[in-house]
């Protein structure tokens, strides 16, 4: 475990000396099952029933601001964006949120199957038919997010969970951003993501001394690249490089050969997958495959015929997004932005077919809770 993460975990434990509110509109029924830079996750149930079991993300607001390099506005943005896209069978469903002076909580779907990372055998991957199924579900979830104008920007197996029936669920929207709203597109400049899965233009943007039009990237195209890396990992059980920089021989070989690397890992990929990955992981971001091209690719079409999708219905309506969220971009940190949670063990999603009961407006005892976050409008 990296030293920086160990330090963050120890600090997070110290921050939890502040007791949780006594008037939460649910009952916590587990110890911490996930912990990260500024948040922890526990299992919970309604106050008046033993089910459904759901996950609650608990954010210590003071600690997040002091040590987590995140502002209250960023926390609110995560809530708003997740609630805006959390109505798809391959995205962890968002249920409700609330806060007091110290804590912010987010209730969401709980998954039983663990994270995708734990299902991938090192240097082996998963069976090819399973890889194709996961990839189809990943593309389904990400394309839905993009259709709502939201990009994830931290897609990796650790942020992808599985239901008890094995269906893929995209989670952790701490780095998400709006890239399109009412027909207008916005580029990003924030340095975020995980090095093996990050797109090269994000790192190039971070190296620019001054922010300008050339020092920005398209957040949706970054997601396409990350999806390609995830498919690679599913098929061979390893990442193609540690990070896409000049310091990586593997990445430079990929660039030099125009995606026809002599690295032995690439030689283990099926021909259709190689062609698909070259399109998704094009160094020139504006030439990367669109979702339409991905779906029409021979490898994807064959997988679609052999891998029927299962669907489920969300229990919460879509939350409208506001002008303010589209206009606002996170300030770029000096190093990689830290996602809010990192699973310790199986955090995944039990398909919640029942509407979550969290009390009425304001919650019990005055604890501020809401099934949808309050809308923000331009003054």
Protein backbone atom coordinates (compact mmCIF):
# COMPACT_ATOMS: atom_id res chain seq x y z
CA UNK A 1 0.00 0.00 0.00
CA UNK A 2 1.48 3.41 -0.95
CA UNK A 3 2.79 5.45 1.96
CA UNK A 4 0.62 8.43 0.99
CA UNK A 5 -2.53 6.29 1.15
CA UNK A 6 -1.53 4.79 4.52
CA UNK A 7 -1.04 8.30 5.88
CA UNK A 8 -4.41 9.38 4.50
CA UNK A 9 -6.09 6.37 6.11
CA UNK A 10 -4.54 7.11 9.51
CA UNK A 11 -5.61 10.73 9.31
CA UNK A 12 -9.09 9.69 8.26
CA UNK A 13 -9.36 7.48 11.33
CA UNK A 14 -8.34 10.41 13.51
CA UNK A 15 -10.95 12.62 11.88
CA UNK A 16 -13.62 10.12 12.85
CA UNK A 17 -13.12 10.95 16.52
CA UNK A 18 -16.01 13.34 15.88
CA UNK A 19 -19.06 11.15 16.59
CA UNK A 20 -21.62 10.60 13.89
CA UNK A 21 -24.94 12.41 14.41
CA UNK A 22 -27.42 10.59 16.61
CA UNK A 23 -30.38 11.59 14.46
CA UNK A 24 -29.45 9.98 11.14
CA UNK A 25 -32.55 8.84 9.20
CA UNK A 26 -31.14 5.31 8.93
CA UNK A 27 -29.30 2.78 11.08
CA UNK A 28 -25.66 1.88 10.39
CA UNK A 29 -25.18 -1.89 10.55
CA UNK A 30 -21.50 -2.45 9.74
CA UNK A 31 -18.01 -1.29 10.44
CA UNK A 32 -16.21 0.70 7.76
CA UNK A 33 -16.13 -1.29 4.51
CA UNK A 34 -14.35 1.37 2.48
CA UNK A 35 -12.07 4.26 3.32
CA UNK A 36 -10.23 6.87 1.31
CA UNK A 37 -8.68 10.29 1.41
CA UNK A 38 -11.63 12.04 3.03
CA UNK A 39 -14.56 9.63 3.27
CA UNK A 40 -15.59 6.24 4.62
CA UNK A 41 -18.38 3.87 3.61
CA UNK A 42 -20.62 1.77 5.86
CA UNK A 43 -23.69 -0.39 5.36
CA UNK A 44 -27.06 0.87 6.63
CA UNK A 45 -30.76 0.02 6.73
CA UNK A 46 -33.92 2.12 7.21
CA UNK A 47 -34.89 2.94 10.78
CA UNK A 48 -38.14 1.00 10.57
CA UNK A 49 -37.20 -2.05 8.49
CA UNK A 50 -34.40 -4.62 8.12
CA UNK A 51 -34.13 -3.99 4.38
CA UNK A 52 -33.08 -2.79 1.92
CA UNK A 53 -29.41 -2.74 2.83
CA UNK A 54 -27.68 0.23 1.26
CA UNK A 55 -24.30 1.94 1.39
CA UNK A 56 -23.68 5.29 3.09
CA UNK A 57 -20.69 7.43 2.23
CA UNK A 58 -19.72 9.56 5.26
CA UNK A 59 -17.68 12.67 4.61
CA UNK A 60 -16.11 14.59 7.49
CA UNK A 61 -16.42 18.07 5.97
CA UNK A 62 -13.80 19.81 8.09
CA UNK A 63 -11.21 17.13 7.44
CA UNK A 64 -12.03 17.06 3.72
CA UNK A 65 -11.38 20.79 3.45
CA UNK A 66 -8.23 20.78 5.60
CA UNK A 67 -6.52 17.60 4.44
CA UNK A 68 -8.41 16.20 1.47
CA UNK A 69 -7.73 19.13 -0.88
CA UNK A 70 -11.43 19.49 -1.52
CA UNK A 71 -13.97 22.24 -0.88
CA UNK A 72 -17.56 22.10 0.26
CA UNK A 73 -18.54 23.06 -3.29
CA UNK A 74 -16.69 20.05 -4.68
CA UNK A 75 -18.50 17.74 -2.27
CA UNK A 76 -21.79 19.23 -3.38
CA UNK A 77 -20.80 18.74 -7.01
CA UNK A 78 -20.17 15.03 -6.46
CA UNK A 79 -23.64 14.69 -4.93
CA UNK A 80 -25.33 16.62 -7.73
CA UNK A 81 -23.58 14.81 -10.59
CA UNK A 82 -24.11 11.34 -9.12
CA UNK A 83 -27.79 12.06 -8.56
CA UNK A 84 -28.01 13.33 -12.16
CA UNK A 85 -26.70 10.08 -13.71
CA UNK A 86 -27.50 7.43 -11.08
CA UNK A 87 -30.52 5.95 -12.88
CA UNK A 88 -28.79 3.36 -15.07
CA UNK A 89 -28.40 -0.38 -14.36
CA UNK A 90 -24.62 -0.13 -14.73
CA UNK A 91 -24.18 2.88 -12.42
CA UNK A 92 -24.43 2.69 -8.63
CA UNK A 93 -27.83 4.18 -7.89
CA UNK A 94 -27.95 7.37 -5.86
CA UNK A 95 -30.65 7.47 -3.17
CA UNK A 96 -30.41 10.49 -0.86
CA UNK A 97 -28.10 12.92 0.88
CA UNK A 98 -27.99 15.00 4.07
CA UNK A 99 -25.62 16.96 6.27
CA UNK A 100 -25.09 18.70 9.57
CA UNK A 101 -22.30 21.07 10.68
CA UNK A 102 -19.67 18.30 10.67
CA UNK A 103 -20.78 15.46 8.41
CA UNK A 104 -22.15 14.99 4.90
CA UNK A 105 -23.68 11.62 4.04
CA UNK A 106 -24.66 10.11 0.70
CA UNK A 107 -26.91 7.03 0.62
CA UNK A 108 -26.54 4.83 -2.43
CA UNK A 109 -27.01 1.34 -3.77
CA UNK A 110 -24.99 -1.38 -2.02
CA UNK A 111 -23.42 -4.12 -4.11
CA UNK A 112 -22.54 -7.57 -2.87
CA UNK A 113 -20.04 -8.72 -5.49
CA UNK A 114 -16.87 -6.82 -4.60
CA UNK A 115 -14.94 -4.53 -6.92
CA UNK A 116 -13.84 -5.48 -10.42
CA UNK A 117 -10.17 -5.27 -9.47
CA UNK A 118 -10.51 -8.31 -7.20
CA UNK A 119 -11.99 -10.37 -10.04
CA UNK A 120 -8.99 -9.88 -12.35
CA UNK A 121 -6.26 -12.49 -11.99
CA UNK A 122 -2.81 -10.89 -12.21
CA UNK A 123 -1.11 -11.52 -15.58
CA UNK A 124 -4.13 -13.55 -16.69
CA UNK A 125 -7.22 -11.34 -16.66
CA UNK A 126 -10.68 -12.86 -16.87
CA UNK A 127 -12.24 -15.23 -19.39
CA UNK A 128 -12.68 -13.54 -22.75
CA UNK A 129 -16.48 -13.87 -22.76
CA UNK A 130 -16.64 -12.37 -19.25
CA UNK A 131 -14.31 -9.55 -20.33
CA UNK A 132 -16.63 -8.75 -23.24
CA UNK A 133 -19.68 -8.75 -20.95
CA UNK A 134 -18.03 -6.37 -18.48
CA UNK A 135 -16.85 -4.16 -21.32
CA UNK A 136 -20.34 -3.92 -22.83
CA UNK A 137 -21.79 -2.96 -19.46
CA UNK A 138 -19.00 -0.44 -18.87
CA UNK A 139 -19.64 1.20 -22.25
CA UNK A 140 -23.38 1.21 -21.56
CA UNK A 141 -22.91 3.03 -18.25
CA UNK A 142 -20.31 5.51 -19.49
CA UNK A 143 -22.25 6.36 -22.66
CA UNK A 144 -25.33 7.06 -20.50
CA UNK A 145 -23.29 9.42 -18.31
CA UNK A 146 -21.96 11.18 -21.39
CA UNK A 147 -25.47 11.52 -22.80
CA UNK A 148 -26.23 13.53 -19.63
CA UNK A 149 -23.15 15.70 -20.15
CA UNK A 150 -21.17 14.10 -17.29
CA UNK A 151 -17.66 12.59 -17.50
CA UNK A 152 -16.27 10.38 -14.72
CA UNK A 153 -12.50 11.11 -15.13
CA UNK A 154 -11.36 8.34 -12.75
CA UNK A 155 -12.47 5.11 -14.39
CA UNK A 156 -10.48 2.10 -13.17
CA UNK A 157 -11.31 -1.41 -11.89
CA UNK A 158 -11.19 -0.19 -8.27
CA UNK A 159 -14.03 2.26 -9.01
CA UNK A 160 -16.18 -0.38 -10.72
CA UNK A 161 -18.31 -2.58 -8.48
CA UNK A 162 -20.34 -5.72 -9.11
CA UNK A 163 -23.85 -6.67 -8.00
CA UNK A 164 -24.64 -10.00 -6.38
CA UNK A 165 -25.66 -11.25 -9.84
CA UNK A 166 -22.35 -10.10 -11.35
CA UNK A 167 -23.52 -6.98 -13.18
CA UNK A 168 -21.09 -4.12 -13.41
CA UNK A 169 -21.73 -0.86 -11.51
CA UNK A 170 -19.73 2.35 -11.99
CA UNK A 171 -19.04 4.12 -8.68
CA UNK A 172 -17.20 7.05 -7.05
CA UNK A 173 -18.05 10.34 -8.73
CA UNK A 174 -15.59 12.41 -6.71
CA UNK A 175 -13.69 13.44 -9.85
CA UNK A 176 -16.72 13.76 -12.16
CA UNK A 177 -17.39 16.94 -14.12
CA UNK A 178 -19.94 18.44 -16.51
CA UNK A 179 -18.47 18.67 -20.00
CA UNK A 180 -21.67 19.50 -21.90
CA UNK A 181 -24.78 21.41 -20.95
CA UNK A 182 -27.58 22.82 -23.13
CA UNK A 183 -25.51 22.22 -26.26
CA UNK A 184 -22.39 24.02 -24.98
CA UNK A 185 -19.17 22.09 -24.38
CA UNK A 186 -16.54 22.83 -21.76
CA UNK A 187 -12.97 21.54 -21.54
CA UNK A 188 -11.19 20.66 -18.31
CA UNK A 189 -7.82 21.51 -16.82
CA UNK A 190 -7.91 19.62 -13.51
CA UNK A 191 -5.23 17.00 -13.04
CA UNK A 192 -7.11 13.88 -11.90
CA UNK A 193 -7.26 10.16 -12.49
CA UNK A 194 -5.03 7.17 -11.75
CA UNK A 195 -1.67 6.96 -13.60
CA UNK A 196 -2.08 3.64 -15.47
CA UNK A 197 -5.58 4.58 -16.68
CA UNK A 198 -5.14 8.29 -17.25
CA UNK A 199 -5.11 9.68 -20.79
CA UNK A 200 -1.82 11.25 -21.95
CA UNK A 201 -3.35 14.66 -22.65
CA UNK A 202 -4.28 15.04 -18.97
CA UNK A 203 -0.63 14.69 -18.00
CA UNK A 204 0.43 17.02 -20.81
CA UNK A 205 -2.09 19.56 -19.58
CA UNK A 206 -0.64 19.35 -16.06
CA UNK A 207 2.86 20.04 -17.36
CA UNK A 208 1.80 23.32 -18.95
CA UNK A 209 3.10 26.22 -16.86
CA UNK A 210 0.21 28.47 -17.79
CA UNK A 211 -3.40 27.50 -18.31
CA UNK A 212 -4.58 28.27 -21.83
CA UNK A 213 -6.72 26.76 -24.54
CA UNK A 214 -3.88 24.36 -25.37
CA UNK A 215 -3.61 23.33 -21.72
CA UNK A 216 -7.05 21.76 -21.52
CA UNK A 217 -8.58 18.41 -22.40
CA UNK A 218 -11.96 16.97 -23.31
CA UNK A 219 -13.19 15.05 -20.27
CA UNK A 220 -15.42 12.68 -22.28
CA UNK A 221 -12.52 11.60 -24.49
CA UNK A 222 -10.45 10.90 -21.38
CA UNK A 223 -13.14 8.42 -20.31
CA UNK A 224 -12.95 6.65 -23.69
CA UNK A 225 -9.19 6.15 -23.21
CA UNK A 226 -9.70 4.79 -19.68
CA UNK A 227 -12.34 2.34 -20.91
CA UNK A 228 -9.79 1.04 -23.42
CA UNK A 229 -7.19 0.50 -20.70
CA UNK A 230 -9.76 -1.33 -18.58
CA UNK A 231 -10.54 -3.68 -21.50
CA UNK A 232 -6.81 -4.31 -21.89
CA UNK A 233 -6.52 -5.18 -18.18
CA UNK A 234 -9.55 -7.49 -18.35
CA UNK A 235 -7.98 -9.45 -21.21
CA UNK A 236 -4.37 -9.76 -20.02
CA UNK A 237 -4.42 -9.07 -16.27
CA UNK A 238 -1.98 -6.16 -16.35
CA UNK A 239 -1.92 -2.50 -17.34
CA UNK A 240 -0.12 -1.62 -20.60
CA UNK A 241 2.16 0.84 -18.73
CA UNK A 242 2.61 2.48 -15.34
CA UNK A 243 1.66 5.86 -16.80
CA UNK A 244 1.52 7.26 -20.35
CA UNK A 245 4.64 9.46 -20.19
CA UNK A 246 8.04 9.73 -21.86
CA UNK A 247 9.48 7.88 -18.89
CA UNK A 248 7.58 4.70 -19.80
CA UNK A 249 9.24 2.46 -22.40
CA UNK A 250 5.98 0.58 -22.92
CA UNK A 251 4.07 3.77 -23.69
CA UNK A 252 6.78 5.18 -25.94
CA UNK A 253 6.81 1.89 -27.85
CA UNK A 254 3.05 2.16 -28.30
CA UNK A 255 3.44 5.70 -29.64
CA UNK A 256 6.40 4.82 -31.87
CA UNK A 257 4.60 1.89 -33.50
CA UNK A 258 1.27 3.70 -33.85
CA UNK A 259 -0.47 1.23 -31.55
CA UNK A 260 1.35 -1.86 -32.85
CA UNK A 261 3.58 -2.37 -29.87
CA UNK A 262 6.11 -5.22 -29.78
CA UNK A 263 5.52 -5.57 -26.03
CA UNK A 264 4.52 -9.17 -25.29
CA UNK A 265 1.34 -8.09 -23.47
CA UNK A 266 -0.12 -6.66 -26.68
CA UNK A 267 0.68 -9.91 -28.47
CA UNK A 268 -1.74 -11.76 -26.17
CA UNK A 269 -4.76 -9.74 -27.32
CA UNK A 270 -7.26 -11.13 -29.86
CA UNK A 271 -7.12 -9.37 -33.23
CA UNK A 272 -10.52 -7.68 -32.91
CA UNK A 273 -9.60 -6.38 -29.46
CA UNK A 274 -6.32 -4.95 -30.77
CA UNK A 275 -8.14 -3.01 -33.47
CA UNK A 276 -10.74 -1.77 -30.99
CA UNK A 277 -8.13 -0.63 -28.48
CA UNK A 278 -6.14 1.26 -31.11
CA UNK A 279 -9.29 3.21 -31.90
CA UNK A 280 -10.19 3.92 -28.28
CA UNK A 281 -6.61 4.68 -27.20
CA UNK A 282 -5.62 6.92 -30.09
CA UNK A 283 -2.93 9.37 -28.96
CA UNK A 284 -4.81 12.10 -30.84
CA UNK A 285 -7.83 12.55 -28.60
CA UNK A 286 -10.10 13.97 -31.31
CA UNK A 287 -9.55 10.83 -33.41
CA UNK A 288 -10.63 8.38 -30.71
CA UNK A 289 -13.59 6.12 -31.38
CA UNK A 290 -17.01 7.44 -30.49
CA UNK A 291 -19.48 5.17 -28.71
CA UNK A 292 -21.20 4.59 -32.05
CA UNK A 293 -17.91 3.40 -33.56
CA UNK A 294 -17.20 1.22 -30.52
CA UNK A 295 -20.61 -0.44 -30.79
CA UNK A 296 -20.21 -1.00 -34.54
CA UNK A 297 -16.75 -2.54 -34.19
CA UNK A 298 -16.68 -6.26 -35.14
CA UNK A 299 -15.39 -7.31 -31.72
CA UNK A 300 -18.09 -5.39 -29.86
CA UNK A 301 -20.87 -6.56 -32.17
CA UNK A 302 -19.87 -10.20 -31.71
CA UNK A 303 -19.79 -9.74 -27.93
CA UNK A 304 -23.23 -8.08 -27.99
CA UNK A 305 -24.77 -11.09 -29.74
CA UNK A 306 -23.32 -13.52 -27.21
CA UNK A 307 -23.79 -11.43 -24.02
CA UNK A 308 -27.41 -10.44 -23.35
CA UNK A 309 -27.74 -7.55 -20.92
CA UNK A 310 -29.86 -7.62 -17.81
CA UNK A 311 -31.76 -4.50 -16.84
CA UNK A 312 -33.11 -3.12 -13.61
CA UNK A 313 -35.28 -0.14 -12.84
CA UNK A 314 -33.99 2.76 -10.74
CA UNK A 315 -35.97 3.72 -7.67
CA UNK A 316 -35.17 7.45 -7.76
CA UNK A 317 -35.92 10.02 -10.49
CA UNK A 318 -33.21 11.88 -12.34
CA UNK A 319 -32.12 15.10 -10.64
CA UNK A 320 -31.91 18.17 -12.92
CA UNK A 321 -28.54 19.87 -13.20
CA UNK A 322 -27.94 23.61 -12.96
CA UNK A 323 -25.99 26.29 -14.81
CA UNK A 324 -23.63 26.75 -11.87
CA UNK A 325 -22.33 23.18 -12.02
CA UNK A 326 -21.47 23.50 -15.70
CA UNK A 327 -19.64 26.80 -15.23
CA UNK A 328 -17.55 25.62 -12.29
CA UNK A 329 -14.29 23.69 -12.69
CA UNK A 330 -12.24 22.32 -9.83
CA UNK A 331 -8.96 24.13 -9.17
CA UNK A 332 -6.02 22.04 -10.36
CA UNK A 333 -4.07 20.55 -7.44
CA UNK A 334 -0.30 20.30 -7.43
CA UNK A 335 -0.46 16.49 -7.70
CA UNK A 336 -3.03 13.90 -8.73
CA UNK A 337 -6.47 14.68 -7.36
CA UNK A 338 -7.51 12.05 -4.83
CA UNK A 339 -10.75 10.17 -5.27
CA UNK A 340 -12.90 10.20 -2.19
CA UNK A 341 -13.03 6.50 -1.42
CA UNK A 342 -10.96 3.42 -2.00
CA UNK A 343 -12.58 0.08 -1.23
CA UNK A 344 -11.08 -1.96 1.58
CA UNK A 345 -13.17 -5.00 0.73
CA UNK A 346 -16.27 -5.82 -1.24
CA UNK A 347 -18.26 -2.65 -1.67
CA UNK A 348 -20.75 -3.36 -4.36
CA UNK A 349 -24.34 -3.17 -5.19
CA UNK A 350 -27.35 -5.18 -4.15
CA UNK A 351 -30.01 -4.24 -6.71
CA UNK A 352 -32.39 -2.12 -4.65
CA UNK A 353 -35.86 -2.59 -6.02
CA UNK A 354 -37.46 -0.93 -3.02
CA UNK A 355 -37.62 2.80 -2.53
CA UNK A 356 -35.32 3.92 0.25
CA UNK A 357 -37.14 5.36 3.23
CA UNK A 358 -35.15 8.14 4.79
CA UNK A 359 -37.82 10.34 6.30
CA UNK A 360 -39.36 13.58 5.18
CA UNK A 361 -37.85 16.97 4.40
CA UNK A 362 -35.27 18.00 6.92
CA UNK A 363 -35.03 14.46 8.27
CA UNK A 364 -35.76 13.44 11.84
CA UNK A 365 -34.45 15.67 14.56
CA UNK A 366 -33.63 18.51 12.20
CA UNK A 367 -30.85 16.64 10.37
CA UNK A 368 -30.89 18.10 6.88
CA UNK A 369 -31.72 15.27 4.45
CA UNK A 370 -33.09 15.24 0.95
CA UNK A 371 -33.94 12.68 -1.71
CA UNK A 372 -32.51 15.12 -4.22
CA UNK A 373 -29.99 17.87 -3.60
CA UNK A 374 -31.37 21.40 -3.58
CA UNK A 375 -31.11 23.04 -7.00
CA UNK A 376 -28.61 25.80 -7.55
CA UNK A 377 -29.41 28.63 -9.92
CA UNK A 378 -27.50 31.57 -11.27
CA UNK A 379 -28.28 34.76 -9.34
